[in-house]
Protein backbone atom coordinates (compact mmCIF):
# COMPACT_ATOMS: atom_id res chain seq x y z
CA UNK A 1 -47.05 -23.36 56.52
CA UNK A 2 -47.24 -27.03 55.95
CA UNK A 3 -44.27 -27.53 58.27
CA UNK A 4 -45.69 -25.29 61.15
CA UNK A 5 -49.10 -26.49 61.20
CA UNK A 6 -48.49 -29.89 62.74
CA UNK A 7 -46.53 -28.32 65.70
CA UNK A 8 -49.36 -25.64 66.28
CA UNK A 9 -51.98 -28.20 66.06
CA UNK A 10 -50.11 -30.28 68.62
CA UNK A 11 -49.81 -27.43 71.04
CA UNK A 12 -53.35 -26.51 70.67
CA UNK A 13 -54.44 -30.03 71.45
CA UNK A 14 -52.16 -30.37 74.33
CA UNK A 15 -53.39 -26.90 75.75
CA UNK A 16 -57.00 -28.36 75.68
CA UNK A 17 -56.17 -31.64 77.06
CA UNK A 18 -54.06 -30.15 79.74
CA UNK A 19 -56.04 -27.21 81.12
CA UNK A 20 -59.78 -28.03 80.17
CA UNK A 21 -60.18 -30.96 82.52
CA UNK A 22 -59.50 -28.72 85.56
CA UNK A 23 -61.92 -26.34 84.25
CA UNK A 24 -64.64 -29.04 83.61
CA UNK A 25 -64.03 -30.67 87.16
CA UNK A 26 -63.87 -27.54 89.30
CA UNK A 27 -67.62 -27.01 89.58
CA UNK A 28 -67.66 -30.33 91.28
CA UNK A 29 -65.05 -29.26 93.93
CA UNK A 30 -65.60 -25.73 94.61
CA UNK A 31 -67.76 -22.94 92.84
CA UNK A 32 -66.66 -19.86 94.94
CA UNK A 33 -65.19 -16.95 93.46
CA UNK A 34 -61.69 -17.13 95.04
CA UNK A 35 -61.28 -20.71 93.48
CA UNK A 36 -62.40 -19.62 89.95
CA UNK A 37 -60.21 -16.55 90.13
CA UNK A 38 -57.20 -18.53 91.19
CA UNK A 39 -57.76 -21.30 88.64
CA UNK A 40 -58.30 -18.68 85.75
CA UNK A 41 -55.07 -16.85 86.71
CA UNK A 42 -52.94 -20.18 87.19
CA UNK A 43 -54.36 -21.53 83.74
CA UNK A 44 -53.44 -18.34 81.78
CA UNK A 45 -49.97 -18.42 83.03
CA UNK A 46 -49.84 -22.03 82.34
CA UNK A 47 -51.04 -21.72 78.72
CA UNK A 48 -48.21 -19.23 77.78
CA UNK A 49 -45.49 -21.36 79.71
CA UNK A 50 -46.78 -24.49 77.85
CA UNK A 51 -46.43 -22.88 74.41
CA UNK A 52 -42.87 -21.91 75.27
CA UNK A 53 -42.02 -25.24 76.83
CA UNK A 54 -39.59 -26.22 74.05
CA UNK A 55 -37.53 -23.09 73.79
CA UNK A 56 -37.43 -22.69 77.77
CA UNK A 57 -38.12 -26.07 79.34
CA UNK A 58 -36.67 -25.10 82.81
CA UNK A 59 -38.09 -21.62 82.93
CA UNK A 60 -41.55 -22.93 81.79
CA UNK A 61 -41.60 -25.50 84.67
CA UNK A 62 -40.47 -23.03 87.25
CA UNK A 63 -43.08 -20.40 86.36
CA UNK A 64 -45.89 -23.02 86.24
CA UNK A 65 -44.84 -24.53 89.51
CA UNK A 66 -44.78 -21.07 91.21
CA UNK A 67 -48.04 -20.09 89.62
CA UNK A 68 -49.61 -23.40 91.03
CA UNK A 69 -48.21 -22.70 94.45
CA UNK A 70 -49.62 -19.21 94.33
CA UNK A 71 -53.04 -20.44 93.11
CA UNK A 72 -53.20 -23.06 95.94
CA UNK A 73 -52.01 -20.87 98.58
CA UNK A 74 -54.20 -17.94 97.52
CA UNK A 75 -57.19 -20.03 97.35
CA UNK A 76 -56.53 -21.74 100.62
CA UNK A 77 -56.05 -18.36 102.22
CA UNK A 78 -59.63 -17.39 101.04
CA UNK A 79 -61.18 -20.67 101.98
CA UNK A 80 -61.41 -22.18 98.59
CA UNK A 81 -60.27 -25.45 97.02
CA UNK A 82 -59.03 -26.15 93.60
CA UNK A 83 -59.49 -29.32 91.47
CA UNK A 84 -56.85 -32.00 91.92
CA UNK A 85 -56.54 -31.80 88.02
CA UNK A 86 -54.46 -28.40 88.33
CA UNK A 87 -51.53 -30.69 88.76
CA UNK A 88 -51.85 -32.04 85.17
CA UNK A 89 -49.84 -29.26 83.41
CA UNK A 90 -47.14 -29.60 85.90
CA UNK A 91 -46.51 -33.36 84.86
CA UNK A 92 -46.60 -32.18 81.19
CA UNK A 93 -43.87 -29.58 81.71
CA UNK A 94 -42.01 -32.21 83.92
CA UNK A 95 -41.99 -34.53 80.97
CA UNK A 96 -41.00 -31.75 78.81
CA UNK A 97 -38.05 -30.86 81.04
CA UNK A 98 -36.86 -34.45 80.93
CA UNK A 99 -37.35 -34.58 77.06
CA UNK A 100 -35.88 -31.08 76.13
CA UNK A 101 -33.86 -30.17 79.19
CA UNK A 102 -30.27 -31.06 77.60
CA UNK A 103 -28.56 -28.85 80.34
CA UNK A 104 -27.88 -30.78 83.60
CA UNK A 105 -27.02 -27.59 85.17
CA UNK A 106 -30.42 -25.89 84.43
CA UNK A 107 -32.40 -28.96 85.37
CA UNK A 108 -30.59 -29.05 88.92
CA UNK A 109 -31.32 -25.52 89.21
CA UNK A 110 -34.97 -26.05 88.41
CA UNK A 111 -35.21 -28.67 91.00
CA UNK A 112 -33.51 -26.39 93.49
CA UNK A 113 -35.85 -23.56 92.69
CA UNK A 114 -38.95 -25.64 92.93
CA UNK A 115 -37.68 -26.96 96.38
CA UNK A 116 -37.31 -23.36 97.59
CA UNK A 117 -40.54 -22.58 96.36
CA UNK A 118 -42.15 -25.52 98.06
CA UNK A 119 -40.74 -24.54 101.37
CA UNK A 120 -42.09 -20.96 100.93
CA UNK A 121 -45.37 -22.03 99.83
CA UNK A 122 -45.93 -24.34 102.74
CA UNK A 123 -44.70 -21.56 105.14
CA UNK A 124 -47.23 -18.97 103.52
CA UNK A 125 -49.86 -21.75 103.60
CA UNK A 126 -49.61 -22.06 107.22
CA UNK A 127 -49.45 -18.29 107.79
CA UNK A 128 -52.53 -17.40 105.80
CA UNK A 129 -55.08 -19.91 106.60
CA UNK A 130 -56.49 -21.16 109.85
CA UNK A 131 -57.93 -24.36 108.35
CA UNK A 132 -56.16 -27.40 108.81
CA UNK A 133 -57.58 -28.78 105.54
CA UNK A 134 -55.31 -26.63 103.54
CA UNK A 135 -52.01 -26.30 105.52
CA UNK A 136 -50.02 -28.54 103.23
CA UNK A 137 -52.40 -31.56 103.27
CA UNK A 138 -51.55 -35.05 102.25
CA UNK A 139 -53.66 -34.57 99.19
CA UNK A 140 -51.03 -32.11 97.80
CA UNK A 141 -48.02 -34.32 98.70
CA UNK A 142 -49.91 -37.24 97.09
CA UNK A 143 -50.32 -35.40 93.91
CA UNK A 144 -46.68 -34.35 93.87
CA UNK A 145 -45.19 -37.73 94.73
CA UNK A 146 -45.75 -39.28 91.07
CA UNK A 147 -44.28 -36.01 89.47
CA UNK A 148 -40.74 -37.27 89.02
CA UNK A 149 -42.05 -40.37 87.07
CA UNK A 150 -43.10 -37.83 84.48
CA UNK A 151 -39.48 -36.10 84.23
CA UNK A 152 -38.07 -39.84 84.06
CA UNK A 153 -40.41 -40.84 81.17
CA UNK A 154 -39.14 -37.65 79.22
CA UNK A 155 -35.52 -38.34 79.88
CA UNK A 156 -36.03 -41.96 78.52
CA UNK A 157 -37.68 -40.65 75.32
CA UNK A 158 -34.71 -38.11 74.87
CA UNK A 159 -32.37 -40.78 75.40
CA UNK A 160 -34.04 -43.06 73.12
CA UNK A 161 -34.18 -40.23 70.28
CA UNK A 162 -30.41 -39.59 70.84
CA UNK A 163 -29.48 -43.31 70.53
CA UNK A 164 -31.76 -43.52 67.32
CA UNK A 165 -30.00 -40.31 65.99
CA UNK A 166 -26.60 -41.72 66.90
CA UNK A 167 -27.30 -44.99 65.13
CA UNK A 168 -28.48 -43.02 61.79
CA UNK A 169 -25.12 -41.23 62.02
CA UNK A 170 -23.14 -44.19 62.28
CA UNK A 171 -25.17 -45.92 59.57
CA UNK A 172 -24.61 -42.80 57.44
CA UNK A 173 -20.91 -42.83 58.33
CA UNK A 174 -20.70 -46.37 57.37
CA UNK A 175 -22.40 -45.75 53.98
CA UNK A 176 -20.00 -43.04 53.06
CA UNK A 177 -17.01 -45.28 54.32
CA UNK A 178 -18.34 -48.16 52.14
CA UNK A 179 -18.93 -45.55 49.12
CA UNK A 180 -15.35 -44.26 49.48
CA UNK A 181 -14.10 -47.90 49.67
CA UNK A 182 -15.91 -48.64 46.44
CA UNK A 183 -14.59 -45.51 44.83
CA UNK A 184 -11.08 -46.16 45.67
CA UNK A 185 -11.38 -49.83 44.64
CA UNK A 186 -12.83 -48.62 41.39
CA UNK A 187 -9.89 -46.14 40.75
CA UNK A 188 -7.47 -48.87 41.62
CA UNK A 189 -8.94 -51.05 38.80
CA UNK A 190 -9.17 -48.24 36.49
CA UNK A 191 -5.51 -47.52 36.91
CA UNK A 192 -4.84 -51.29 36.55
CA UNK A 193 -6.69 -51.41 33.22
CA UNK A 194 -5.02 -48.38 32.00
CA UNK A 195 -1.66 -49.90 32.90
CA UNK A 196 -2.50 -53.00 30.93
CA UNK A 197 -3.99 -51.28 27.95
CA UNK A 198 -0.87 -49.13 27.68
CA UNK A 199 1.46 -52.04 27.93
CA UNK A 200 -0.48 -54.20 25.31
CA UNK A 201 -2.53 -52.02 23.11
CA UNK A 202 -0.39 -48.93 23.01
CA UNK A 203 2.64 -50.69 22.56
CA UNK A 204 1.18 -52.75 19.52
CA UNK A 205 -0.13 -49.39 18.07
CA UNK A 206 3.17 -47.69 18.27
CA UNK A 207 4.80 -50.50 16.68
CA UNK A 208 1.99 -50.52 13.70
CA UNK A 209 2.37 -46.81 13.15
CA UNK A 210 6.28 -47.09 13.20
CA UNK A 211 6.21 -49.89 10.60
CA UNK A 212 3.61 -47.90 8.38
CA UNK A 213 6.00 -44.85 8.46
CA UNK A 214 8.81 -47.18 7.39
CA UNK A 215 7.08 -48.39 4.57
CA UNK A 216 5.88 -44.83 3.53
CA UNK A 217 9.53 -43.77 3.70
CA UNK A 218 10.14 -46.33 1.09
CA UNK A 219 7.18 -45.72 -1.08
CA UNK A 220 9.04 -45.56 -4.16
CA UNK A 221 9.66 -49.25 -3.94
CA UNK A 222 5.85 -50.05 -3.52
CA UNK A 223 3.14 -50.31 -6.18
CA UNK A 224 0.42 -47.54 -6.09
CA UNK A 225 -2.20 -49.64 -4.57
CA UNK A 226 0.20 -50.47 -1.73
CA UNK A 227 1.11 -46.89 -1.14
CA UNK A 228 -2.35 -45.89 -0.65
CA UNK A 229 -2.98 -48.80 1.70
CA UNK A 230 0.10 -47.74 3.81
CA UNK A 231 -0.89 -44.21 3.81
CA UNK A 232 -4.47 -45.10 5.28
CA UNK A 233 -2.84 -47.53 7.80
CA UNK A 234 -0.45 -44.93 9.08
CA UNK A 235 -3.40 -42.37 9.47
CA UNK A 236 -5.48 -45.04 11.22
CA UNK A 237 -2.74 -45.82 13.67
CA UNK A 238 -1.97 -42.22 14.35
CA UNK A 239 -5.75 -41.51 15.15
CA UNK A 240 -6.14 -44.52 17.26
CA UNK A 241 -3.06 -43.78 19.09
CA UNK A 242 -4.20 -40.28 20.00
CA UNK A 243 -7.77 -41.39 20.98
CA UNK A 244 -6.07 -44.18 23.07
CA UNK A 245 -3.97 -41.77 25.09
CA UNK A 246 -6.95 -39.67 25.83
CA UNK A 247 -8.76 -42.99 26.97
CA UNK A 248 -5.88 -43.95 29.18
CA UNK A 249 -5.72 -40.36 30.86
CA UNK A 250 -9.49 -40.61 31.54
CA UNK A 251 -8.94 -44.14 33.10
CA UNK A 252 -6.09 -42.89 35.50
CA UNK A 253 -7.84 -39.78 36.46
CA UNK A 254 -11.54 -39.15 35.53
CA UNK A 255 -11.17 -35.58 36.51
CA UNK A 256 -8.93 -35.14 33.68
CA UNK A 257 -11.37 -36.28 30.98
CA UNK A 258 -10.82 -33.33 28.54
CA UNK A 259 -9.44 -34.98 25.21
CA UNK A 260 -6.08 -33.55 23.98
CA UNK A 261 -7.24 -34.54 20.37
CA UNK A 262 -10.53 -33.14 18.64
CA UNK A 263 -13.47 -35.30 19.24
CA UNK A 264 -14.80 -36.84 15.92
CA UNK A 265 -18.04 -35.43 14.53
CA UNK A 266 -20.30 -35.77 11.58
CA UNK A 267 -17.73 -33.42 9.63
CA UNK A 268 -15.25 -36.33 9.75
CA UNK A 269 -17.68 -39.08 8.31
CA UNK A 270 -16.29 -38.51 4.73
CA UNK A 271 -12.68 -39.18 6.11
CA UNK A 272 -13.81 -42.37 7.85
CA UNK A 273 -15.60 -43.64 4.57
CA UNK A 274 -12.55 -42.94 2.56
CA UNK A 275 -10.45 -45.14 4.99
CA UNK A 276 -13.05 -47.86 4.53
CA UNK A 277 -12.73 -47.46 0.83
CA UNK A 278 -8.95 -47.51 1.13
CA UNK A 279 -9.35 -50.71 2.80
CA UNK A 280 -11.02 -52.31 -0.20
CA UNK A 281 -14.75 -51.63 0.76
CA UNK A 282 -17.53 -49.87 -1.00
CA UNK A 283 -19.59 -47.38 0.96
CA UNK A 284 -22.08 -44.47 0.30
CA UNK A 285 -23.27 -41.83 2.38
CA UNK A 286 -26.71 -40.02 2.37
CA UNK A 287 -26.92 -37.10 4.99
CA UNK A 288 -29.60 -34.46 4.91
CA UNK A 289 -28.50 -32.77 8.23
CA UNK A 290 -26.18 -29.86 8.75
CA UNK A 291 -23.53 -31.31 11.11
CA UNK A 292 -23.34 -27.88 13.03
CA UNK A 293 -26.86 -28.11 13.89
CA UNK A 294 -26.43 -31.38 15.84
CA UNK A 295 -25.33 -31.45 19.45
CA UNK A 296 -21.74 -32.55 19.81
CA UNK A 297 -22.55 -35.80 22.04
CA UNK A 298 -24.99 -36.87 19.22
CA UNK A 299 -22.53 -36.26 16.48
CA UNK A 300 -19.91 -38.31 18.54
CA UNK A 301 -22.33 -41.12 19.03
CA UNK A 302 -23.19 -41.27 15.31
CA UNK A 303 -19.55 -41.21 14.23
CA UNK A 304 -18.85 -44.21 16.66
CA UNK A 305 -21.90 -46.21 15.37
CA UNK A 306 -20.84 -45.80 11.83
CA UNK A 307 -17.18 -46.47 12.65
CA UNK A 308 -18.16 -49.77 14.50
CA UNK A 309 -20.57 -50.75 11.86
CA UNK A 310 -17.97 -50.27 9.06
CA UNK A 311 -15.51 -52.27 10.99
CA UNK A 312 -17.92 -55.18 11.59
CA UNK A 313 -18.92 -55.19 7.86
CA UNK A 314 -15.03 -55.70 7.05
CA UNK A 315 -14.82 -58.42 9.23
CA UNK A 316 -17.96 -60.29 8.60
CA UNK A 317 -18.97 -59.31 5.18
CA UNK A 318 -15.82 -58.32 3.26
CA UNK A 319 -16.48 -56.74 -0.10
CA UNK A 320 -20.16 -56.13 0.41
CA UNK A 321 -21.52 -52.64 -0.40
CA UNK A 322 -22.38 -50.45 2.66
CA UNK A 323 -24.95 -47.63 2.62
CA UNK A 324 -24.80 -45.03 5.56
CA UNK A 325 -27.84 -42.95 5.93
CA UNK A 326 -27.84 -39.87 8.59
CA UNK A 327 -31.63 -38.41 8.66
CA UNK A 328 -32.20 -35.48 10.91
CA UNK A 329 -35.96 -34.57 10.03
CA UNK A 330 -37.83 -36.98 12.22
CA UNK A 331 -39.56 -34.91 14.78
CA UNK A 332 -36.42 -33.89 16.76
CA UNK A 333 -34.76 -37.18 16.54
CA UNK A 334 -31.45 -38.07 14.56
CA UNK A 335 -31.58 -41.34 12.79
CA UNK A 336 -28.41 -43.15 11.62
CA UNK A 337 -28.70 -46.41 9.72
CA UNK A 338 -25.72 -48.45 8.24
CA UNK A 339 -26.82 -51.39 6.13
CA UNK A 340 -24.22 -53.88 4.41
CA UNK A 341 -25.02 -56.22 1.79
CA UNK A 342 -24.02 -60.04 1.66
CA UNK A 343 -20.33 -60.94 1.87
CA UNK A 344 -18.44 -61.14 -1.44
CA UNK A 345 -15.54 -62.97 0.03
CA UNK A 346 -15.27 -65.44 2.93
CA UNK A 347 -15.11 -63.63 6.47
CA UNK A 348 -11.98 -64.31 8.65
CA UNK A 349 -12.72 -67.13 11.11
CA UNK A 350 -13.21 -65.70 14.72
CA UNK A 351 -13.19 -62.04 13.79
CA UNK A 352 -14.12 -59.83 16.49
CA UNK A 353 -14.66 -60.24 20.25
CA UNK A 354 -18.39 -59.67 20.19
CA UNK A 355 -18.31 -56.30 22.12
CA UNK A 356 -19.06 -53.81 19.36
CA UNK A 357 -22.84 -54.01 19.24
CA UNK A 358 -22.74 -53.81 23.22
CA UNK A 359 -20.66 -50.66 22.95
CA UNK A 360 -22.79 -49.14 20.41
CA UNK A 361 -26.09 -49.70 22.42
CA UNK A 362 -24.56 -48.34 25.64
CA UNK A 363 -23.27 -45.06 23.80
CA UNK A 364 -26.68 -44.57 22.35
CA UNK A 365 -28.72 -45.39 25.41
CA UNK A 366 -26.75 -42.82 27.29
CA UNK A 367 -28.28 -40.24 24.99
CA UNK A 368 -31.87 -41.64 25.68
CA UNK A 369 -31.52 -43.29 22.28
CA UNK A 370 -32.35 -46.61 20.84
CA UNK A 371 -30.31 -48.96 18.89
CA UNK A 372 -31.55 -51.82 16.72
CA UNK A 373 -29.38 -54.41 14.75
CA UNK A 374 -29.98 -57.58 12.90
CA UNK A 375 -29.63 -59.38 9.60
CA UNK A 376 -31.69 -58.19 6.58
CA UNK A 377 -33.46 -60.63 4.20
CA UNK A 378 -30.98 -60.71 1.50
CA UNK A 379 -28.20 -61.92 3.82
CA UNK A 380 -26.80 -58.60 5.06
CA UNK A 381 -26.99 -56.59 8.33
CA UNK A 382 -28.64 -53.51 9.37
CA UNK A 383 -27.71 -51.17 12.41
CA UNK A 384 -30.14 -48.38 13.15
CA UNK A 385 -29.56 -45.93 16.01
CA UNK A 386 -32.19 -43.24 16.77
CA UNK A 387 -31.30 -40.32 19.34
CA UNK A 388 -33.11 -37.37 20.31
CA UNK A 389 -31.55 -33.92 19.72
CA UNK A 390 -32.63 -32.28 22.92
CA UNK A 391 -30.01 -34.20 24.89
CA UNK A 392 -27.45 -31.37 23.76
CA UNK A 393 -26.52 -30.92 27.56
CA UNK A 394 -25.10 -34.62 27.98
């Protein structure tokens, strides 16, 4: 309804502006019955043709031209005269022919058709009236002379519209080409990064796991505390190697993003905390939510936040106690808080590269959550992540 109304409104306004002037001016030209009859029939035919002008531009023009000739010849034969404004619909349809007549064959056929009709009309006019005033008078020729200008204006308008459409298509093609080039450049960069990570990180992790497994094989020669450390080191290396392989696959081909290894979730928090304890840390967990009730993306985000927070605690506050809280009863939000106390031993100089908090914030923000991090009053550090549960479809 909303899309049709402007077109019907335009058609109604055009009909009024095109045909009403002739009706209003006819009383000042000729009030005889034959004049009104010819004008009425002509305008009735013209209204129908005008409404069909977009669909049948050449046919509408020929029909109105034939009706106009019939009205002029018929009224002249009866000694009547029509208003000069009867030529106005013809100008509108000529403009329409130039604007919507995309077929040159039909346009040329229409011109030839009206030429034949004009010759026939002049002959009938001379045969049906004795008055020289109506026998192809110069007033009719003067009214028809500017008509080709209306067609030229319509043709110019159509040409401009086609040029604009062509420019828009070229711009759209250029945007698609630019987007394709950017995507290709991004993929090349992803492939390059994947290659660098494979050559540097994966190689180092492989050596780490190999050395750890070698030490495990000679566990009888190690003290008890060292065997526990080696077991934790080997397990962490194997897990990191599997996750790294998944990451490299995703970097090389984003469509192949299904991980080969299980995605960490809340059920593996205990194992994560055990690895922290095995590395000499102290940590406690308070969790009052069932892991199976939490969406998988939220579980993964919580696991990564806790993992990174524990790594930061070992780097910057070695020996400090850590408390992890996972609370799921706050109005449809899951809240994860990791707080560590003051460092017991001196931290390693230059530990970390400063991207841990950035990575955590990006991961939480992707789930429409919020992450805050900062020092506590007692010299420790607190990381708090809040995420809505309804983002289970992410």
